[in-house]
C-alpha atoms as a PDB file:
ATOM      1  CA  MET A   1     -15.441 -92.618  33.676  1.00  0.00           C
ATOM      2  CA  ASN A   2     -17.661 -94.926  31.788  1.00  0.00           C
ATOM      3  CA  LEU A   3     -16.777 -97.036  28.863  1.00  0.00           C
ATOM      4  CA  VAL A   4     -18.661 -94.507  26.801  1.00  0.00           C
ATOM      5  CA  GLU A   5     -16.981 -91.281  27.725  1.00  0.00           C
ATOM      6  CA  LEU A   6     -13.455 -93.078  27.487  1.00  0.00           C
ATOM      7  CA  ALA A   7     -14.236 -94.302  24.202  1.00  0.00           C
ATOM      8  CA  ALA A   8     -15.057 -90.982  22.839  1.00  0.00           C
ATOM      9  CA  ARG A   9     -11.973 -89.520  24.447  1.00  0.00           C
ATOM     10  CA  SER A  10      -9.783 -92.383  22.830  1.00  0.00           C
ATOM     11  CA  THR A  11     -11.333 -91.000  19.034  1.00  0.00           C
ATOM     12  CA  PRO A  12      -9.861 -87.941  17.528  1.00  0.00           C
ATOM     13  CA  PRO A  13     -11.892 -84.928  17.915  1.00  0.00           C
ATOM     14  CA  SER A  14     -14.172 -84.047  14.915  1.00  0.00           C
ATOM     15  CA  PRO A  15     -17.910 -83.088  14.318  1.00  0.00           C
ATOM     16  CA  SER A  16     -19.020 -86.765  13.551  1.00  0.00           C
ATOM     17  CA  THR A  17     -17.521 -88.071  16.512  1.00  0.00           C
ATOM     18  CA  ALA A  18     -18.664 -85.407  18.592  1.00  0.00           C
ATOM     19  CA  VAL A  19     -22.507 -86.378  17.480  1.00  0.00           C
ATOM     20  CA  LEU A  20     -21.997 -89.922  19.311  1.00  0.00           C
ATOM     21  CA  ARG A  21     -20.435 -88.578  22.318  1.00  0.00           C
ATOM     22  CA  THR A  22     -23.259 -86.278  22.797  1.00  0.00           C
ATOM     23  CA  ARG A  23     -26.102 -88.765  22.231  1.00  0.00           C
ATOM     24  CA  ALA A  24     -25.265 -91.304  23.963  1.00  0.00           C
ATOM     25  CA  ARG A  25     -28.068 -93.276  25.865  1.00  0.00           C
ATOM     26  CA  ARG A  26     -28.063 -94.094  29.551  1.00  0.00           C
ATOM     27  CA  PRO A  27     -28.581 -97.945  30.039  1.00  0.00           C
ATOM     28  CA  ALA A  28     -31.623 -99.245  31.574  1.00  0.00           C
ATOM     29  CA  ALA A  29     -31.867 -99.665  35.339  1.00  0.00           C
ATOM     30  CA  GLN A  30     -32.791-103.090  35.276  1.00  0.00           C
ATOM     31  CA  ASP A  31     -29.700-103.997  33.183  1.00  0.00           C
ATOM     32  CA  VAL A  32     -26.838-102.708  35.872  1.00  0.00           C
ATOM     33  CA  ALA A  33     -26.371-106.247  37.430  1.00  0.00           C
ATOM     34  CA  GLY A  34     -24.290-108.582  36.104  1.00  0.00           C
ATOM     35  CA  THR A  35     -20.568-108.754  35.365  1.00  0.00           C
ATOM     36  CA  SER A  36     -18.129-105.578  34.361  1.00  0.00           C
ATOM     37  CA  LEU A  37     -18.218-107.004  30.869  1.00  0.00           C
ATOM     38  CA  ARG A  38     -21.822-106.902  30.498  1.00  0.00           C
ATOM     39  CA  ARG A  39     -22.399-103.504  31.982  1.00  0.00           C
ATOM     40  CA  SER A  40     -19.748-102.021  29.814  1.00  0.00           C
ATOM     41  CA  ALA A  41     -21.125-103.747  26.608  1.00  0.00           C
ATOM     42  CA  ARG A  42     -24.637-102.717  27.416  1.00  0.00           C
ATOM     43  CA  GLN A  43     -23.444 -99.099  27.928  1.00  0.00           C
ATOM     44  CA  VAL A  44     -21.767 -99.628  24.258  1.00  0.00           C
ATOM     45  CA  VAL A  45     -24.782-101.054  22.349  1.00  0.00           C
ATOM     46  CA  ASP A  46     -27.325 -98.478  23.776  1.00  0.00           C
ATOM     47  CA  ALA A  47     -24.846 -95.789  22.978  1.00  0.00           C
ATOM     48  CA  LEU A  48     -24.391 -96.995  19.408  1.00  0.00           C
ATOM     49  CA  ALA A  49     -27.836 -97.702  18.751  1.00  0.00           C
ATOM     50  CA  GLY A  50     -28.948 -94.547  19.876  1.00  0.00           C
ATOM     51  CA  SER A  51     -26.335 -92.199  17.874  1.00  0.00           C
ATOM     52  CA  SER A  52     -25.366 -94.285  14.752  1.00  0.00           C
ATOM     53  CA  GLY A  53     -28.064 -94.619  12.676  1.00  0.00           C
ATOM     54  CA  LEU A  54     -28.784 -98.435  13.227  1.00  0.00           C
ATOM     55  CA  GLU A  55     -31.002 -99.568  15.925  1.00  0.00           C
ATOM     56  CA  THR A  56     -29.843-102.557  16.657  1.00  0.00           C
ATOM     57  CA  TRP A  57     -26.190-103.589  18.133  1.00  0.00           C
ATOM     58  CA  TYR A  58     -24.799-106.342  19.733  1.00  0.00           C
ATOM     59  CA  LEU A  59     -21.848-107.654  21.460  1.00  0.00           C
ATOM     60  CA  GLY A  60     -21.567-111.581  20.795  1.00  0.00           C
ATOM     61  CA  ARG A  61     -19.110-114.227  21.752  1.00  0.00           C
ATOM     62  CA  VAL A  62     -17.914-116.907  19.206  1.00  0.00           C
ATOM     63  CA  ASP A  63     -18.396-120.245  20.452  1.00  0.00           C
ATOM     64  CA  GLY A  64     -17.555-122.726  17.983  1.00  0.00           C
ATOM     65  CA  GLU A  65     -20.419-122.789  15.328  1.00  0.00           C
ATOM     66  CA  THR A  66     -22.356-120.552  17.264  1.00  0.00           C
ATOM     67  CA  LEU A  67     -22.770-116.876  18.155  1.00  0.00           C
ATOM     68  CA  LEU A  68     -24.002-116.281  21.793  1.00  0.00           C
ATOM     69  CA  PRO A  69     -25.114-112.406  22.367  1.00  0.00           C
ATOM     70  CA  LEU A  70     -23.940-111.300  25.466  1.00  0.00           C
ATOM     71  CA  ALA A  71     -25.533-107.829  25.326  1.00  0.00           C
ATOM     72  CA  VAL A  72     -27.996-106.615  23.211  1.00  0.00           C
ATOM     73  CA  SER A  73     -29.279-102.898  22.753  1.00  0.00           C
ATOM     74  CA  THR A  74     -32.626-102.110  24.566  1.00  0.00           C
ATOM     75  CA  GLY A  75     -35.733-102.479  22.114  1.00  0.00           C
ATOM     76  CA  SER A  76     -34.343-105.336  19.888  1.00  0.00           C
ATOM     77  CA  ARG A  77     -36.520-108.082  18.608  1.00  0.00           C
ATOM     78  CA  SER A  78     -34.099-109.751  16.092  1.00  0.00           C
ATOM     79  CA  VAL A  79     -31.728-110.866  18.609  1.00  0.00           C
ATOM     80  CA  THR A  80     -31.660-111.889  22.108  1.00  0.00           C
ATOM     81  CA  THR A  81     -29.407-112.105  24.916  1.00  0.00           C
ATOM     82  CA  GLY A  82     -28.559-115.643  25.590  1.00  0.00           C
ATOM     83  CA  ARG A  83     -29.795-117.001  22.311  1.00  0.00           C
ATOM     84  CA  ARG A  84     -27.707-118.691  20.265  1.00  0.00           C
ATOM     85  CA  VAL A  85     -27.116-117.510  16.513  1.00  0.00           C
ATOM     86  CA  ARG A  86     -25.663-119.750  13.630  1.00  0.00           C
ATOM     87  CA  TRP A  87     -22.270-117.838  13.286  1.00  0.00           C
ATOM     88  CA  SER A  88     -22.365-119.306   9.583  1.00  0.00           C
ATOM     89  CA  ASP A  89     -25.621-117.434   8.956  1.00  0.00           C
ATOM     90  CA  THR A  90     -24.437-114.023   9.979  1.00  0.00           C
ATOM     91  CA  PRO A  91     -22.822-111.123   8.050  1.00  0.00           C
ATOM     92  CA  CYS A  92     -20.813-110.949  11.419  1.00  0.00           C
ATOM     93  CA  ARG A  93     -18.870-114.105  10.400  1.00  0.00           C
ATOM     94  CA  ARG A  94     -18.283-112.714   6.643  1.00  0.00           C
ATOM     95  CA  MET A  95     -17.041-109.292   8.115  1.00  0.00           C
ATOM     96  CA  ALA A  96     -14.637-111.335  10.695  1.00  0.00           C
ATOM     97  CA  SER A  97     -13.194-112.970   7.524  1.00  0.00           C
ATOM     98  CA  GLY A  98     -12.432-110.001   5.697  1.00  0.00           C
ATOM     99  CA  LEU A  99     -15.376-110.532   2.801  1.00  0.00           C
ATOM    100  CA  GLY A 100     -16.547-106.789   3.470  1.00  0.00           C
ATOM    101  CA  PRO A 101     -16.327-103.585   4.643  1.00  0.00           C
ATOM    102  CA  THR A 102     -16.440-102.462   8.919  1.00  0.00           C
ATOM    103  CA  VAL A 103     -19.510-100.209   7.485  1.00  0.00           C
ATOM    104  CA  ALA A 104     -21.985-100.851   4.750  1.00  0.00           C
ATOM    105  CA  PRO A 105     -24.276 -98.113   4.840  1.00  0.00           C
ATOM    106  CA  VAL A 106     -26.098 -99.856   1.671  1.00  0.00           C
ATOM    107  CA  VAL A 107     -26.202-103.616   2.289  1.00  0.00           C
ATOM    108  CA  ALA A 108     -27.499-104.066  -1.071  1.00  0.00           C
ATOM    109  CA  ASP A 109     -24.108-103.347  -2.633  1.00  0.00           C
ATOM    110  CA  VAL A 110     -21.921-105.646  -0.441  1.00  0.00           C
ATOM    111  CA  PRO A 111     -23.394-108.789  -1.859  1.00  0.00           C
ATOM    112  CA  ASN A 112     -21.560-110.821   0.373  1.00  0.00           C
ATOM    113  CA  TYR A 113     -23.407-109.597   3.685  1.00  0.00           C
ATOM    114  CA  ALA A 114     -26.965-108.676   1.511  1.00  0.00           C
ATOM    115  CA  ARG A 115     -26.972-112.831   0.799  1.00  0.00           C
ATOM    116  CA  ALA A 116     -26.196-114.070   4.235  1.00  0.00           C
ATOM    117  CA  PRO A 117     -29.104-115.711   5.770  1.00  0.00           C
ATOM    118  CA  PHE A 118     -29.462-113.661   8.676  1.00  0.00           C
ATOM    119  CA  SER A 119     -29.922-110.492   6.497  1.00  0.00           C
ATOM    120  CA  LEU A 120     -32.733-111.786   4.208  1.00  0.00           C
ATOM    121  CA  ALA A 121     -34.445-113.595   7.277  1.00  0.00           C
ATOM    122  CA  LEU A 122     -34.393-109.743   8.936  1.00  0.00           C
ATOM    123  CA  GLY A 123     -33.930-107.645   5.892  1.00  0.00           C
ATOM    124  CA  VAL A 124     -30.878-105.829   6.712  1.00  0.00           C
ATOM    125  CA  THR A 125     -30.489-102.782   5.152  1.00  0.00           C
ATOM    126  CA  ALA A 126     -27.076-101.186   6.401  1.00  0.00           C
ATOM    127  CA  TYR A 127     -24.570-102.966   8.500  1.00  0.00           C
ATOM    128  CA  ALA A 128     -21.594-102.251  10.460  1.00  0.00           C
ATOM    129  CA  GLY A 129     -19.321-104.346  12.723  1.00  0.00           C
ATOM    130  CA  LEU A 130     -15.912-105.388  14.067  1.00  0.00           C
ATOM    131  CA  PRO A 131     -14.073-107.986  15.303  1.00  0.00           C
ATOM    132  CA  LEU A 132     -13.094-109.044  18.708  1.00  0.00           C
ATOM    133  CA  HIS A 133      -9.450-110.608  18.803  1.00  0.00           C
ATOM    134  CA  ASP A 134      -7.494-111.749  22.000  1.00  0.00           C
ATOM    135  CA  ARG A 135      -3.816-111.143  22.372  1.00  0.00           C
ATOM    136  CA  ASP A 136      -3.018-114.246  20.128  1.00  0.00           C
ATOM    137  CA  GLY A 137      -5.088-113.195  17.335  1.00  0.00           C
ATOM    138  CA  ARG A 138      -7.504-115.659  17.924  1.00  0.00           C
ATOM    139  CA  LEU A 139     -11.464-114.314  17.390  1.00  0.00           C
ATOM    140  CA  LEU A 140     -13.473-113.927  20.453  1.00  0.00           C
ATOM    141  CA  GLY A 141     -16.350-112.158  19.229  1.00  0.00           C
ATOM    142  CA  VAL A 142     -18.000-109.057  17.269  1.00  0.00           C
ATOM    143  CA  LEU A 143     -19.545-105.694  18.218  1.00  0.00           C
ATOM    144  CA  ALA A 144     -22.024-105.083  15.288  1.00  0.00           C
ATOM    145  CA  GLY A 145     -25.213-103.511  14.315  1.00  0.00           C
ATOM    146  CA  TRP A 146     -27.564-103.227  11.805  1.00  0.00           C
ATOM    147  CA  SER A 147     -30.886-101.679  10.775  1.00  0.00           C
ATOM    148  CA  THR A 148     -34.061-103.100   8.891  1.00  0.00           C
ATOM    149  CA  ARG A 149     -35.496 -99.265   8.162  1.00  0.00           C
ATOM    150  CA  PRO A 150     -35.556 -97.965   4.468  1.00  0.00           C
ATOM    151  CA  ALA A 151     -32.867 -96.188   3.579  1.00  0.00           C
ATOM    152  CA  PRO A 152     -31.285 -95.436   6.965  1.00  0.00           C
ATOM    153  CA  VAL A 153     -28.612 -92.581   7.565  1.00  0.00           C
ATOM    154  CA  VAL A 154     -25.568 -93.870   9.061  1.00  0.00           C
ATOM    155  CA  THR A 155     -23.485 -91.439  10.882  1.00  0.00           C
ATOM    156  CA  PRO A 156     -20.670 -90.125   9.263  1.00  0.00           C
ATOM    157  CA  GLY A 157     -17.366 -91.127  11.013  1.00  0.00           C
ATOM    158  CA  LEU A 158     -18.905 -94.392  12.545  1.00  0.00           C
ATOM    159  CA  GLU A 159     -15.856 -96.571  11.939  1.00  0.00           C
ATOM    160  CA  PRO A 160     -13.260 -94.904  14.190  1.00  0.00           C
ATOM    161  CA  VAL A 161     -15.619 -94.979  17.279  1.00  0.00           C
ATOM    162  CA  LEU A 162     -16.632 -98.591  16.560  1.00  0.00           C
ATOM    163  CA  ARG A 163     -13.079 -99.159  16.908  1.00  0.00           C
ATOM    164  CA  ALA A 164     -12.194 -97.652  19.714  1.00  0.00           C
ATOM    165  CA  PHE A 165     -15.450 -99.440  21.376  1.00  0.00           C
ATOM    166  CA  SER A 166     -14.344-102.706  20.210  1.00  0.00           C
ATOM    167  CA  GLU A 167     -10.871-102.242  21.722  1.00  0.00           C
ATOM    168  CA  LEU A 168     -12.297-101.232  24.827  1.00  0.00           C
ATOM    169  CA  LEU A 169     -14.524-104.349  25.292  1.00  0.00           C
ATOM    170  CA  THR A 170     -11.745-106.817  24.250  1.00  0.00           C
ATOM    171  CA  GLN A 171      -9.524-105.485  27.188  1.00  0.00           C
ATOM    172  CA  ALA A 172     -12.732-106.265  29.358  1.00  0.00           C
ATOM    173  CA  LEU A 173     -13.134-109.421  28.093  1.00  0.00           C
ATOM    174  CA  ASP A 174      -9.391-110.291  28.453  1.00  0.00           C
ATOM    175  CA  ALA A 175      -9.958-109.418  32.305  1.00  0.00           C
ATOM    176  CA  GLU A 176     -12.621-111.343  32.987  1.00  0.00           C
ATOM    177  CA  VAL A 177     -11.069-114.311  31.360  1.00  0.00           C
ATOM    178  CA  ARG A 178      -7.946-114.027  33.340  1.00  0.00           C
ATOM    179  CA  ASP A 179     -10.376-113.700  36.675  1.00  0.00           C
ATOM    180  CA  ASP A 180     -11.985-117.073  35.650  1.00  0.00           C
ATOM    181  CA  GLU A 181      -8.541-118.649  35.196  1.00  0.00           C
ATOM    182  CA  ALA A 182      -7.880-117.631  39.231  1.00  0.00           C
ATOM    183  CA  GLN A 183     -11.398-118.665  40.111  1.00  0.00           C
ATOM    184  CA  ARG A 184     -10.779-122.353  38.189  1.00  0.00           C
ATOM    185  CA  ALA A 185      -7.951-122.695  40.357  1.00  0.00           C
ATOM    186  CA  THR A 186      -9.628-121.932  43.736  1.00  0.00           C
ATOM    187  CA  GLU A 187     -12.372-124.279  42.370  1.00  0.00           C
ATOM    188  CA  ARG A 188     -10.215-126.983  41.696  1.00  0.00           C
ATOM    189  CA  GLU A 189      -8.706-127.490  44.923  1.00  0.00           C
ATOM    190  CA  ALA A 190     -11.860-126.588  46.653  1.00  0.00           C
ATOM    191  CA  VAL A 191     -13.350-129.965  44.573  1.00  0.00           C
ATOM    192  CA  ARG A 192     -10.442-132.057  45.316  1.00  0.00           C
ATOM    193  CA  ARG A 193     -10.679-131.078  49.021  1.00  0.00           C
ATOM    194  CA  ARG A 194     -14.643-131.900  49.276  1.00  0.00           C
ATOM    195  CA  ALA A 195     -15.061-134.834  46.717  1.00  0.00           C
ATOM    196  CA  ALA A 196     -11.882-136.722  46.169  1.00  0.00           C
ATOM    197  CA  ASP A 197     -11.772-140.148  44.866  1.00  0.00           C
ATOM    198  CA  LYS A 198      -9.852-141.923  47.261  1.00  0.00           C
ATOM    199  CA  VAL A 199      -7.766-144.359  44.810  1.00  0.00           C
ATOM    200  CA  THR A 200      -6.693-141.543  42.261  1.00  0.00           C
ATOM    201  CA  SER A 201      -7.314-138.332  44.516  1.00  0.00           C
ATOM    202  CA  LEU A 202      -8.945-136.753  41.551  1.00  0.00           C
ATOM    203  CA  SER A 203     -12.681-134.991  41.768  1.00  0.00           C
ATOM    204  CA  SER A 204     -15.181-137.790  42.280  1.00  0.00           C
ATOM    205  CA  ARG A 205     -18.526-137.699  40.157  1.00  0.00           C
ATOM    206  CA  THR A 206     -20.217-135.720  42.563  1.00  0.00           C
ATOM    207  CA  GLY A 207     -17.323-132.822  42.353  1.00  0.00           C
ATOM    208  CA  TRP A 208     -17.720-133.273  38.830  1.00  0.00           C
ATOM    209  CA  GLY A 209     -21.328-132.180  38.880  1.00  0.00           C
ATOM    210  CA  ALA A 210     -20.199-128.999  41.481  1.00  0.00           C
ATOM    211  CA  VAL A 211     -17.622-127.854  38.458  1.00  0.00           C
ATOM    212  CA  LEU A 212     -20.114-128.100  35.707  1.00  0.00           C
ATOM    213  CA  ARG A 213     -22.674-125.984  37.521  1.00  0.00           C
ATOM    214  CA  GLU A 214     -19.992-123.505  37.705  1.00  0.00           C
ATOM    215  CA  GLU A 215     -18.855-123.675  34.385  1.00  0.00           C
ATOM    216  CA  ASP A 216     -22.733-123.574  33.166  1.00  0.00           C
ATOM    217  CA  ARG A 217     -22.711-120.199  35.028  1.00  0.00           C
ATOM    218  CA  ARG A 218     -19.721-118.710  33.251  1.00  0.00           C
ATOM    219  CA  CYS A 219     -20.844-119.789  29.838  1.00  0.00           C
ATOM    220  CA  ALA A 220     -24.373-118.101  30.481  1.00  0.00           C
ATOM    221  CA  GLU A 221     -22.772-115.197  32.092  1.00  0.00           C
ATOM    222  CA  ARG A 222     -19.622-114.440  29.483  1.00  0.00           C
ATOM    223  CA  GLY A 223     -19.941-116.380  26.339  1.00  0.00           C
ATOM    224  CA  LEU A 224     -16.474-118.429  27.304  1.00  0.00           C
ATOM    225  CA  PRO A 225     -16.495-121.512  25.322  1.00  0.00           C
ATOM    226  CA  VAL A 226     -15.959-124.850  27.142  1.00  0.00           C
ATOM    227  CA  ALA A 227     -15.472-128.376  25.926  1.00  0.00           C
ATOM    228  CA  LEU A 228     -16.093-131.509  28.171  1.00  0.00           C
ATOM    229  CA  LEU A 229     -14.030-134.473  27.182  1.00  0.00           C
ATOM    230  CA  VAL A 230     -14.885-138.056  28.262  1.00  0.00           C
ATOM    231  CA  VAL A 231     -12.211-140.803  28.407  1.00  0.00           C
ATOM    232  CA  ASP A 232     -12.568-144.481  28.690  1.00  0.00           C
ATOM    233  CA  VAL A 233      -9.431-146.707  29.757  1.00  0.00           C
ATOM    234  CA  GLY A 234     -10.906-150.016  29.472  1.00  0.00           C
ATOM    235  CA  LEU A 235     -10.767-152.638  32.233  1.00  0.00           C
ATOM    236  CA  VAL A 236      -8.835-152.361  34.946  1.00  0.00           C
ATOM    237  CA  ARG A 237      -7.927-154.573  37.128  1.00  0.00           C
ATOM    238  CA  SER A 238      -5.817-153.167  40.107  1.00  0.00           C
ATOM    239  CA  SER A 239      -5.572-149.539  41.930  1.00  0.00           C
ATOM    240  CA  ALA A 240      -1.669-149.325  40.635  1.00  0.00           C
ATOM    241  CA  ARG A 241      -2.908-149.556  37.500  1.00  0.00           C
ATOM    242  CA  LEU A 242      -5.981-147.369  37.782  1.00  0.00           C
ATOM    243  CA  GLN A 243      -3.417-144.749  39.245  1.00  0.00           C
ATOM    244  CA  ARG A 244      -1.095-145.352  36.013  1.00  0.00           C
ATOM    245  CA  ALA A 245      -4.051-144.232  34.042  1.00  0.00           C
ATOM    246  CA  THR A 246      -4.896-141.326  36.011  1.00  0.00           C
ATOM    247  CA  GLN A 247      -1.133-139.795  35.548  1.00  0.00           C
ATOM    248  CA  ALA A 248      -1.243-140.516  32.046  1.00  0.00           C
ATOM    249  CA  ILE A 249      -4.488-138.198  31.645  1.00  0.00           C
ATOM    250  CA  VAL A 250      -3.374-135.561  34.031  1.00  0.00           C
ATOM    251  CA  ARG A 251      -0.058-135.328  32.086  1.00  0.00           C
ATOM    252  CA  ALA A 252      -1.790-135.026  28.848  1.00  0.00           C
ATOM    253  CA  LEU A 253      -4.229-132.331  30.187  1.00  0.00           C
ATOM    254  CA  PRO A 254      -2.261-129.866  32.889  1.00  0.00           C
ATOM    255  CA  ASP A 255      -4.371-127.075  32.685  1.00  0.00           C
ATOM    256  CA  ALA A 256      -8.183-128.799  33.100  1.00  0.00           C
ATOM    257  CA  LEU A 257     -10.316-130.050  35.440  1.00  0.00           C
ATOM    258  CA  VAL A 258     -10.134-134.036  35.405  1.00  0.00           C
ATOM    259  CA  SER A 259     -12.738-135.971  37.280  1.00  0.00           C
ATOM    260  CA  ARG A 260     -13.088-139.596  37.853  1.00  0.00           C
ATOM    261  CA  LEU A 261     -16.790-140.595  36.848  1.00  0.00           C
ATOM    262  CA  ASN A 262     -16.950-144.188  37.174  1.00  0.00           C
ATOM    263  CA  ALA A 263     -14.920-147.381  37.430  1.00  0.00           C
ATOM    264  CA  ARG A 264     -13.296-146.861  33.595  1.00  0.00           C
ATOM    265  CA  GLN A 265     -14.509-143.243  32.685  1.00  0.00           C
ATOM    266  CA  PHE A 266     -12.758-140.094  33.063  1.00  0.00           C
ATOM    267  CA  GLY A 267     -14.317-136.687  32.367  1.00  0.00           C
ATOM    268  CA  ALA A 268     -12.173-133.405  31.707  1.00  0.00           C
ATOM    269  CA  VAL A 269     -13.442-129.737  31.755  1.00  0.00           C
ATOM    270  CA  LEU A 270     -11.480-127.734  28.927  1.00  0.00           C
ATOM    271  CA  PRO A 271     -12.430-124.027  29.356  1.00  0.00           C
ATOM    272  CA  ASP A 272     -11.968-121.411  26.230  1.00  0.00           C
ATOM    273  CA  VAL A 273     -10.925-123.806  23.263  1.00  0.00           C
ATOM    274  CA  GLU A 274     -11.916-124.174  20.109  1.00  0.00           C
ATOM    275  CA  PRO A 275     -13.245-127.539  18.441  1.00  0.00           C
ATOM    276  CA  ASP A 276     -10.410-128.374  16.692  1.00  0.00           C
ATOM    277  CA  GLU A 277      -7.914-127.928  19.618  1.00  0.00           C
ATOM    278  CA  VAL A 278     -10.503-130.419  21.577  1.00  0.00           C
ATOM    279  CA  ALA A 279     -10.088-133.015  18.870  1.00  0.00           C
ATOM    280  CA  ALA A 280      -6.252-132.649  19.194  1.00  0.00           C
ATOM    281  CA  THR A 281      -6.346-132.612  22.682  1.00  0.00           C
ATOM    282  CA  ALA A 282      -8.495-136.098  22.632  1.00  0.00           C
ATOM    283  CA  GLU A 283      -5.830-137.742  20.142  1.00  0.00           C
ATOM    284  CA  GLU A 284      -3.215-136.896  22.933  1.00  0.00           C
ATOM    285  CA  VAL A 285      -4.847-138.368  25.874  1.00  0.00           C
ATOM    286  CA  ALA A 286      -5.696-141.479  23.707  1.00  0.00           C
ATOM    287  CA  THR A 287      -2.094-141.862  22.513  1.00  0.00           C
ATOM    288  CA  ALA A 288      -0.672-141.271  26.028  1.00  0.00           C
ATOM    289  CA  LEU A 289      -3.187-144.115  27.236  1.00  0.00           C
ATOM    290  CA  ARG A 290      -2.301-146.269  24.559  1.00  0.00           C
ATOM    291  CA  SER A 291       1.141-145.884  25.282  1.00  0.00           C
ATOM    292  CA  GLU A 292       0.636-147.396  28.668  1.00  0.00           C
ATOM    293  CA  GLY A 293      -1.043-150.375  27.323  1.00  0.00           C
ATOM    294  CA  PHE A 294      -4.511-149.152  28.094  1.00  0.00           C
ATOM    295  CA  THR A 295      -7.696-149.641  25.440  1.00  0.00           C
ATOM    296  CA  ALA A 296      -8.490-145.764  25.183  1.00  0.00           C
ATOM    297  CA  SER A 297     -11.377-144.358  23.893  1.00  0.00           C
ATOM    298  CA  THR A 298     -12.293-140.768  23.618  1.00  0.00           C
ATOM    299  CA  ALA A 299     -15.292-138.387  22.847  1.00  0.00           C
ATOM    300  CA  TRP A 300     -16.236-134.835  23.234  1.00  0.00           C
ATOM    301  CA  ALA A 301     -18.583-131.739  22.923  1.00  0.00           C
ATOM    302  CA  THR A 302     -18.705-128.369  22.912  1.00  0.00           C
ATOM    303  CA  SER A 303     -21.268-125.692  24.981  1.00  0.00           C
ATOM    304  CA  GLY A 304     -22.010-124.519  21.433  1.00  0.00           C
ATOM    305  CA  GLU A 305     -23.593-127.796  20.660  1.00  0.00           C
ATOM    306  CA  ALA A 306     -26.236-127.674  23.696  1.00  0.00           C
ATOM    307  CA  GLY A 307     -28.633-125.680  26.017  1.00  0.00           C
ATOM    308  CA  ASP A 308     -26.445-126.727  29.034  1.00  0.00           C
ATOM    309  CA  LEU A 309     -23.453-128.283  30.281  1.00  0.00           C
ATOM    310  CA  GLY A 310     -25.645-131.048  31.545  1.00  0.00           C
ATOM    311  CA  ALA A 311     -26.857-131.792  28.000  1.00  0.00           C
ATOM    312  CA  VAL A 312     -23.249-131.164  26.798  1.00  0.00           C
ATOM    313  CA  TRP A 313     -22.098-133.857  29.086  1.00  0.00           C
ATOM    314  CA  LEU A 314     -24.955-136.468  28.022  1.00  0.00           C
ATOM    315  CA  LEU A 315     -24.016-135.761  23.968  1.00  0.00           C
ATOM    316  CA  ALA A 316     -20.226-136.692  24.773  1.00  0.00           C
ATOM    317  CA  GLU A 317     -21.101-139.964  26.516  1.00  0.00           C
ATOM    318  CA  GLN A 318     -23.316-140.954  24.046  1.00  0.00           C
ATOM    319  CA  ARG A 319     -20.516-140.299  21.323  1.00  0.00           C
ATOM    320  CA  LEU A 320     -18.472-142.440  23.471  1.00  0.00           C
ATOM    321  CA  TYR A 321     -20.492-144.915  23.754  1.00  0.00           C
ATOM    322  CA  SER A 322     -20.888-144.753  20.044  1.00  0.00           C
ATOM    323  CA  ALA A 323     -16.846-144.886  19.600  1.00  0.00           C
ATOM    324  CA  ARG A 324     -16.730-148.386  21.490  1.00  0.00           C
ATOM    325  CA  ARG A 325     -19.953-150.027  20.143  1.00  0.00           C
ATOM    326  CA  ASP A 326     -18.158-149.242  16.694  1.00  0.00           C
ATOM    327  CA  GLY A 327     -14.353-149.879  17.691  1.00  0.00           C
ATOM    328  CA  VAL A 328     -13.862-146.296  16.488  1.00  0.00           C
ATOM    329  CA  ARG A 329     -10.618-144.703  17.547  1.00  0.00           C
ATOM    330  CA  PRO A 330     -10.377-140.809  17.687  1.00  0.00           C
END
């Protein structure tokens, strides 16, 4: 049984939901490949596009200030899988903040939606959407659809079906996050064995590059937010002091993959974090190092700020050099 059938069964039987069950479209053959989340999401968005009265649907992952579409309904031209959208421009941001209803058959009647730059640019006439939250209540993404046709007719009873789909997609996303955590643990150990720095026993710059490639793949496939933190410990004159700095960083970053990038600089991959969490983490690392007598500087950048993690790393290093030049502490 696929996700579309499960969602249909999870909603109370009624004439309105029966329409959505019987008119679900099969996903295109070329989209079968990919993660289970993407396959499930593609089934959902295509089913909704063919049944709801709204011709465009997508599942998007919120990544800091951007929204990354993970699956988009067939034939959509206004939004593309993998092409980021500014989160603040969307009616979805207003919906997720509780500033409008789940279903807006006439967008002009909901000023918060109608005035969103995304709505104005596309000429959105009707909208529906729901947020996806993890078990801790954090916003992961949105399932949303809209129409640009004049006076579209939105299928009655859409909201309960949309809620069922959102719940199932959230479960699929949580499952992939747990799988990613297990994969990262395996990769960390493999990287340490293959490319360990002899003094610190951390991953070396070579290992760091391998980790970024894997994280970049996850970012592209699943939309999981990633931050890169770079740390400068200043001039270190002995192996003992370098090991002490290493221990302070690793203790402050128990869940991160830490690498030694050069004589005085370390890098850390922080997966599935929000920008405000990265800022607090950077401060904790800097405080831990300064308590040990090191002249610490930190800087960071997130996956939502650049096209790939190589560019994110470059941005973080540029910020670090600027902070060192200007004597700025986090």
